[in-house]
């Protein structure tokens, strides 16, 4: 495991020998809700206001705060974050794409952004429907680095 030192203790991966290269990752989070609630959400007709705008900002903030939340993540100079919230048959899909030129990838940043966006959406609608659920949250793709491109 790369997150363990010779004594088996948790350690941040040493990337000092690596070259900074362009990297990107995309993750998604699904939020399941009733069709009536989804109608309200995407019509902008929620009592708490424009939930979609709040979700986008929360996802971006989640990306930027990832090293504070995930103990062994490197702080990275995030160059771009794109957040989309789309309607699905079961509710909403939050998609987060993160881009950086760095010595390590941004998979955790993309997944954290999607997760924070989903939790924020839940917070915005929980008073209207207690049955809202979150999941799955998953990585869809990543590019760059030694291991190259990967796509679900």
Protein backbone atom coordinates (compact mmCIF):
# COMPACT_ATOMS: atom_id res chain seq x y z
CA UNK A 1 0.00 0.00 0.00
CA UNK A 2 1.39 3.37 -0.95
CA UNK A 3 -0.21 5.06 2.06
CA UNK A 4 1.84 3.00 4.54
CA UNK A 5 5.48 3.48 5.51
CA UNK A 6 7.97 0.66 6.17
CA UNK A 7 6.56 0.20 9.69
CA UNK A 8 2.95 -0.02 8.45
CA UNK A 9 2.03 3.49 9.65
CA UNK A 10 -0.18 5.82 7.64
CA UNK A 11 1.87 8.18 5.49
CA UNK A 12 1.30 10.64 2.67
CA UNK A 13 2.64 9.35 -0.66
CA UNK A 14 5.94 10.97 -1.65
CA UNK A 15 5.39 12.64 -5.03
CA UNK A 16 8.51 14.83 -4.89
CA UNK A 17 10.20 12.82 -7.66
CA UNK A 18 7.25 13.07 -10.06
CA UNK A 19 6.79 15.59 -12.87
CA UNK A 20 3.68 17.74 -12.92
CA UNK A 21 1.41 16.72 -15.80
CA UNK A 22 -2.15 17.59 -16.86
CA UNK A 23 -4.68 15.44 -15.00
CA UNK A 24 -8.45 15.29 -14.84
CA UNK A 25 -11.12 13.24 -13.11
CA UNK A 26 -14.90 13.06 -13.30
CA UNK A 27 -17.18 11.67 -10.59
CA UNK A 28 -20.91 11.48 -10.08
CA UNK A 29 -23.38 11.30 -7.23
CA UNK A 30 -27.01 10.32 -7.58
CA UNK A 31 -29.78 11.72 -5.41
CA UNK A 32 -33.03 9.75 -5.53
CA UNK A 33 -36.28 11.59 -4.86
CA UNK A 34 -39.93 11.60 -5.85
CA UNK A 35 -40.91 12.89 -9.28
CA UNK A 36 -42.90 15.69 -7.61
CA UNK A 37 -39.86 16.87 -5.67
CA UNK A 38 -37.66 16.63 -8.77
CA UNK A 39 -40.21 18.77 -10.63
CA UNK A 40 -39.97 21.43 -7.91
CA UNK A 41 -36.16 21.25 -7.81
CA UNK A 42 -35.65 21.67 -11.54
CA UNK A 43 -38.37 24.33 -11.81
CA UNK A 44 -36.54 26.38 -9.18
CA UNK A 45 -39.60 26.22 -6.96
CA UNK A 46 -38.19 25.11 -3.58
CA UNK A 47 -38.87 26.98 -0.33
CA UNK A 48 -35.10 27.29 0.31
CA UNK A 49 -34.51 28.94 -3.08
CA UNK A 50 -32.27 28.00 -5.99
CA UNK A 51 -30.98 24.64 -4.77
CA UNK A 52 -29.16 23.91 -8.03
CA UNK A 53 -26.96 27.01 -7.67
CA UNK A 54 -26.22 26.15 -4.04
CA UNK A 55 -25.34 22.55 -5.01
CA UNK A 56 -22.90 23.77 -7.69
CA UNK A 57 -21.13 26.12 -5.25
CA UNK A 58 -21.02 23.42 -2.54
CA UNK A 59 -19.48 20.91 -4.96
CA UNK A 60 -16.78 23.41 -5.94
CA UNK A 61 -16.08 24.13 -2.27
CA UNK A 62 -15.88 20.38 -1.60
CA UNK A 63 -13.26 20.02 -4.35
CA UNK A 64 -11.19 22.86 -2.91
CA UNK A 65 -11.39 21.51 0.67
CA UNK A 66 -10.62 17.84 -0.11
CA UNK A 67 -7.17 17.77 1.56
CA UNK A 68 -8.77 19.06 4.76
CA UNK A 69 -11.36 16.27 4.70
CA UNK A 70 -9.41 13.28 3.35
CA UNK A 71 -6.36 12.91 5.60
CA UNK A 72 -3.68 11.74 3.13
CA UNK A 73 -4.64 13.84 0.08
CA UNK A 74 -2.11 16.32 -1.23
CA UNK A 75 -3.22 19.95 -1.52
CA UNK A 76 -3.39 20.65 -5.24
CA UNK A 77 -3.53 23.84 -7.33
CA UNK A 78 -7.01 23.22 -8.77
CA UNK A 79 -7.27 24.86 -12.19
CA UNK A 80 -10.84 24.06 -13.20
CA UNK A 81 -14.00 22.59 -11.72
CA UNK A 82 -17.13 21.93 -13.76
CA UNK A 83 -20.34 20.93 -11.98
CA UNK A 84 -23.52 19.77 -13.71
CA UNK A 85 -26.79 18.84 -12.04
CA UNK A 86 -29.07 16.92 -14.38
CA UNK A 87 -32.48 15.38 -13.95
CA UNK A 88 -32.69 11.60 -14.07
CA UNK A 89 -35.62 9.18 -13.98
CA UNK A 90 -34.99 8.75 -10.24
CA UNK A 91 -34.12 12.34 -9.28
CA UNK A 92 -30.82 14.13 -9.90
CA UNK A 93 -27.28 13.35 -10.98
CA UNK A 94 -24.43 15.62 -9.88
CA UNK A 95 -21.36 15.36 -12.10
CA UNK A 96 -18.06 16.99 -11.11
CA UNK A 97 -15.00 17.27 -13.36
CA UNK A 98 -11.73 18.57 -11.92
CA UNK A 99 -8.61 19.59 -13.88
CA UNK A 100 -5.12 20.29 -12.62
CA UNK A 101 -1.50 20.23 -13.67
CA UNK A 102 0.17 18.45 -10.78
CA UNK A 103 2.26 15.51 -9.57
CA UNK A 104 -0.78 13.51 -8.46
CA UNK A 105 -4.35 13.02 -9.64
CA UNK A 106 -7.65 14.59 -8.71
CA UNK A 107 -9.90 11.55 -8.33
CA UNK A 108 -10.53 12.25 -4.64
CA UNK A 109 -11.31 15.90 -5.37
CA UNK A 110 -13.91 14.95 -7.99
CA UNK A 111 -15.51 12.37 -5.71
CA UNK A 112 -15.52 14.72 -2.72
CA UNK A 113 -17.09 17.48 -4.80
CA UNK A 114 -19.84 15.12 -5.98
CA UNK A 115 -20.44 13.89 -2.42
CA UNK A 116 -20.62 17.40 -0.93
CA UNK A 117 -22.96 18.47 -3.73
CA UNK A 118 -25.23 15.50 -3.00
CA UNK A 119 -25.29 16.13 0.76
CA UNK A 120 -26.09 19.79 0.07
CA UNK A 121 -28.94 18.85 -2.24
CA UNK A 122 -30.27 16.54 0.47
CA UNK A 123 -30.11 19.42 2.94
CA UNK A 124 -32.03 21.68 0.56
CA UNK A 125 -34.92 19.21 0.10
CA UNK A 126 -35.04 17.12 3.30
CA UNK A 127 -37.89 19.18 4.74
CA UNK A 128 -40.07 18.26 1.77
CA UNK A 129 -39.27 14.55 1.53
CA UNK A 130 -37.57 12.43 4.21
CA UNK A 131 -37.22 9.50 1.76
CA UNK A 132 -34.52 11.19 -0.37
CA UNK A 133 -31.42 9.00 -0.70
CA UNK A 134 -27.85 9.54 -1.85
CA UNK A 135 -25.85 7.09 -3.90
CA UNK A 136 -24.04 5.77 -5.63
CA UNK A 137 -21.10 8.14 -5.56
CA UNK A 138 -18.44 6.92 -7.94
CA UNK A 139 -15.52 7.81 -10.16
CA UNK A 140 -16.42 7.87 -13.85
CA UNK A 141 -13.06 8.61 -15.45
CA UNK A 142 -9.54 9.89 -14.92
CA UNK A 143 -6.74 10.95 -17.22
CA UNK A 144 -3.05 11.68 -16.76
CA UNK A 145 -0.32 10.27 -14.62
CA UNK A 146 1.67 7.07 -14.94
CA UNK A 147 -1.39 4.83 -15.06
CA UNK A 148 -2.92 6.84 -17.92
CA UNK A 149 -6.59 7.07 -18.75
CA UNK A 150 -9.34 5.05 -17.10
CA UNK A 151 -13.07 5.09 -17.76
CA UNK A 152 -15.92 3.26 -16.03
